[in-house]
N, C-alpha and C. Protein backbone atom coordinates (compact mmCIF):
# COMPACT_ATOMS: atom_id res chain seq x y z
N MET A 1 80.04 116.51 114.79
CA MET A 1 81.30 115.89 114.42
C MET A 1 82.45 116.72 114.98
N ASP A 2 83.42 116.04 115.53
CA ASP A 2 84.57 116.73 116.08
C ASP A 2 85.41 117.31 114.96
N ALA A 3 85.99 118.45 115.23
CA ALA A 3 86.85 119.08 114.24
C ALA A 3 88.09 118.23 114.03
N VAL A 4 88.51 118.11 112.81
CA VAL A 4 89.69 117.34 112.46
C VAL A 4 90.76 118.32 112.03
N LYS A 5 91.89 118.30 112.71
CA LYS A 5 92.96 119.21 112.35
C LYS A 5 93.65 118.71 111.09
N ALA A 6 94.09 119.64 110.28
CA ALA A 6 94.80 119.29 109.06
C ALA A 6 96.19 118.77 109.44
N HIS A 7 96.48 117.54 109.05
CA HIS A 7 97.78 116.94 109.34
C HIS A 7 98.71 117.05 108.14
N HIS A 8 98.14 117.19 106.98
CA HIS A 8 98.92 117.27 105.76
C HIS A 8 98.54 118.55 105.02
N ARG A 9 99.41 119.05 104.22
CA ARG A 9 99.14 120.35 103.59
C ARG A 9 97.97 120.32 102.63
N HIS A 10 97.58 119.15 102.14
CA HIS A 10 96.46 119.07 101.21
C HIS A 10 95.12 118.85 101.92
N ASP A 11 95.13 118.61 103.22
CA ASP A 11 93.87 118.40 103.95
C ASP A 11 93.01 119.66 103.88
N ILE A 12 91.72 119.45 103.80
CA ILE A 12 90.82 120.59 103.69
C ILE A 12 90.62 121.26 105.05
N THR A 13 90.29 122.52 105.01
CA THR A 13 90.08 123.29 106.23
C THR A 13 88.68 123.02 106.79
N ASP A 14 88.48 123.39 108.04
CA ASP A 14 87.15 123.26 108.66
C ASP A 14 86.12 124.07 107.88
N GLU A 15 86.52 125.25 107.43
CA GLU A 15 85.61 126.12 106.68
C GLU A 15 85.14 125.46 105.38
N LEU A 16 86.08 124.89 104.64
CA LEU A 16 85.71 124.22 103.39
C LEU A 16 84.88 122.97 103.67
N TRP A 17 85.23 122.21 104.70
CA TRP A 17 84.47 121.00 105.02
C TRP A 17 83.02 121.36 105.35
N ASP A 18 82.81 122.44 106.07
CA ASP A 18 81.45 122.88 106.40
C ASP A 18 80.63 123.14 105.13
N LYS A 19 81.29 123.58 104.08
CA LYS A 19 80.59 123.89 102.83
C LYS A 19 80.26 122.64 102.01
N ILE A 20 81.08 121.60 102.09
CA ILE A 20 80.87 120.43 101.24
C ILE A 20 80.36 119.19 101.97
N ALA A 21 80.33 119.21 103.28
CA ALA A 21 79.95 118.02 104.05
C ALA A 21 78.56 117.50 103.69
N SER A 22 77.66 118.39 103.33
CA SER A 22 76.29 117.97 103.03
C SER A 22 76.21 117.12 101.75
N PHE A 23 77.25 117.11 100.94
CA PHE A 23 77.26 116.30 99.72
C PHE A 23 77.57 114.83 100.00
N PHE A 24 78.02 114.53 101.21
CA PHE A 24 78.36 113.17 101.58
C PHE A 24 77.24 112.55 102.39
N SER A 25 76.98 111.29 102.13
CA SER A 25 75.91 110.58 102.83
C SER A 25 76.30 110.29 104.27
N ASN A 26 75.36 110.47 105.17
CA ASN A 26 75.58 110.13 106.57
C ASN A 26 74.93 108.81 106.94
N SER A 27 74.26 108.19 105.98
CA SER A 27 73.56 106.94 106.28
C SER A 27 74.56 105.80 106.41
N THR A 28 74.24 104.88 107.30
CA THR A 28 75.13 103.75 107.52
C THR A 28 74.80 102.60 106.59
N GLY A 29 73.65 102.62 105.96
CA GLY A 29 73.29 101.55 105.05
C GLY A 29 72.86 100.30 105.79
N LYS A 30 72.38 99.34 105.04
CA LYS A 30 71.89 98.11 105.65
C LYS A 30 72.82 96.93 105.38
N ARG A 31 73.78 97.11 104.51
CA ARG A 31 74.68 96.03 104.16
C ARG A 31 76.13 96.48 104.28
N GLY A 32 77.00 95.51 104.29
CA GLY A 32 78.43 95.80 104.31
C GLY A 32 78.90 96.34 105.65
N ARG A 33 80.10 96.81 105.64
CA ARG A 33 80.67 97.33 106.88
C ARG A 33 80.20 98.76 107.13
N PRO A 34 80.30 99.21 108.36
CA PRO A 34 79.85 100.58 108.68
C PRO A 34 80.65 101.62 107.91
N ALA A 35 80.00 102.72 107.61
CA ALA A 35 80.67 103.81 106.90
C ALA A 35 81.77 104.40 107.77
N GLY A 36 82.81 104.87 107.11
CA GLY A 36 83.90 105.50 107.82
C GLY A 36 83.71 107.01 107.90
N ASP A 37 84.75 107.69 108.28
CA ASP A 37 84.72 109.15 108.41
C ASP A 37 84.81 109.77 107.01
N ASN A 38 83.79 110.48 106.60
CA ASN A 38 83.74 111.07 105.26
C ASN A 38 84.86 112.08 105.02
N ARG A 39 85.17 112.85 106.04
CA ARG A 39 86.21 113.86 105.86
C ARG A 39 87.58 113.20 105.67
N ARG A 40 87.84 112.17 106.44
CA ARG A 40 89.12 111.47 106.29
C ARG A 40 89.20 110.83 104.90
N PHE A 41 88.09 110.26 104.43
CA PHE A 41 88.05 109.69 103.08
C PHE A 41 88.34 110.77 102.03
N PHE A 42 87.67 111.91 102.16
CA PHE A 42 87.86 112.99 101.18
C PHE A 42 89.31 113.48 101.19
N ASN A 43 89.87 113.66 102.38
CA ASN A 43 91.27 114.08 102.47
C ASN A 43 92.20 113.05 101.84
N ALA A 44 91.90 111.77 102.01
CA ALA A 44 92.72 110.71 101.42
C ALA A 44 92.66 110.78 99.89
N VAL A 45 91.48 110.99 99.35
CA VAL A 45 91.33 111.10 97.89
C VAL A 45 92.12 112.30 97.38
N ILE A 46 92.01 113.43 98.07
CA ILE A 46 92.76 114.62 97.67
C ILE A 46 94.26 114.36 97.73
N TRP A 47 94.71 113.67 98.79
CA TRP A 47 96.14 113.36 98.91
C TRP A 47 96.63 112.53 97.73
N VAL A 48 95.88 111.49 97.36
CA VAL A 48 96.28 110.64 96.24
C VAL A 48 96.28 111.44 94.94
N MET A 49 95.26 112.25 94.74
CA MET A 49 95.18 113.05 93.51
C MET A 49 96.33 114.05 93.41
N ARG A 50 96.62 114.74 94.50
CA ARG A 50 97.65 115.78 94.48
C ARG A 50 99.06 115.19 94.44
N SER A 51 99.27 114.08 95.14
CA SER A 51 100.62 113.51 95.22
C SER A 51 100.96 112.65 94.00
N GLY A 52 99.93 112.07 93.38
CA GLY A 52 100.18 111.16 92.27
C GLY A 52 100.66 109.79 92.72
N ALA A 53 100.69 109.58 94.02
CA ALA A 53 101.15 108.30 94.57
C ALA A 53 100.04 107.26 94.52
N PRO A 54 100.41 105.99 94.51
CA PRO A 54 99.38 104.95 94.54
C PRO A 54 98.73 104.87 95.92
N TRP A 55 97.55 104.26 95.97
CA TRP A 55 96.82 104.13 97.23
C TRP A 55 97.65 103.45 98.30
N ARG A 56 98.49 102.50 97.93
CA ARG A 56 99.31 101.77 98.91
C ARG A 56 100.26 102.69 99.66
N ASP A 57 100.58 103.85 99.10
CA ASP A 57 101.49 104.79 99.75
C ASP A 57 100.77 105.82 100.62
N LEU A 58 99.48 105.64 100.81
CA LEU A 58 98.69 106.58 101.61
C LEU A 58 99.24 106.64 103.04
N PRO A 59 99.51 107.83 103.58
CA PRO A 59 100.01 107.93 104.95
C PRO A 59 99.03 107.30 105.95
N PRO A 60 99.54 106.67 106.99
CA PRO A 60 98.68 105.98 107.96
C PRO A 60 97.68 106.90 108.67
N ASP A 61 97.91 108.21 108.67
CA ASP A 61 96.97 109.14 109.30
C ASP A 61 95.58 109.05 108.69
N TYR A 62 95.51 108.61 107.44
CA TYR A 62 94.23 108.51 106.75
C TYR A 62 93.56 107.17 106.97
N GLY A 63 94.22 106.28 107.62
CA GLY A 63 93.67 104.94 107.85
C GLY A 63 94.32 103.94 106.90
N ASN A 64 93.88 102.70 107.01
CA ASN A 64 94.40 101.64 106.16
C ASN A 64 94.07 101.95 104.71
N TRP A 65 95.07 101.93 103.85
CA TRP A 65 94.84 102.30 102.44
C TRP A 65 93.77 101.45 101.79
N ASN A 66 93.73 100.17 102.14
CA ASN A 66 92.76 99.28 101.50
C ASN A 66 91.34 99.59 101.96
N SER A 67 91.17 100.02 103.19
CA SER A 67 89.84 100.40 103.69
C SER A 67 89.35 101.68 103.03
N ILE A 68 90.24 102.61 102.79
CA ILE A 68 89.87 103.87 102.15
C ILE A 68 89.62 103.63 100.66
N PHE A 69 90.48 102.84 100.03
CA PHE A 69 90.39 102.58 98.59
C PHE A 69 89.10 101.86 98.22
N VAL A 70 88.69 100.90 99.03
CA VAL A 70 87.49 100.12 98.74
C VAL A 70 86.33 100.96 99.11
């Protein structure tokens, strides 16, 4: 996986991602749409939790808020 630079102050570092990445599934599954980027999803969740903002206010760097939220 390519390294993702932190764009926001709450984004996790490469070092921390290396420690927690194994907790996220890499399987694509057999139904529904393909899985997205786990790190981007995690950073989006952290952003919402830390900012207290609703999902609709998610910065575009994290992707479409509705795709991340669902």
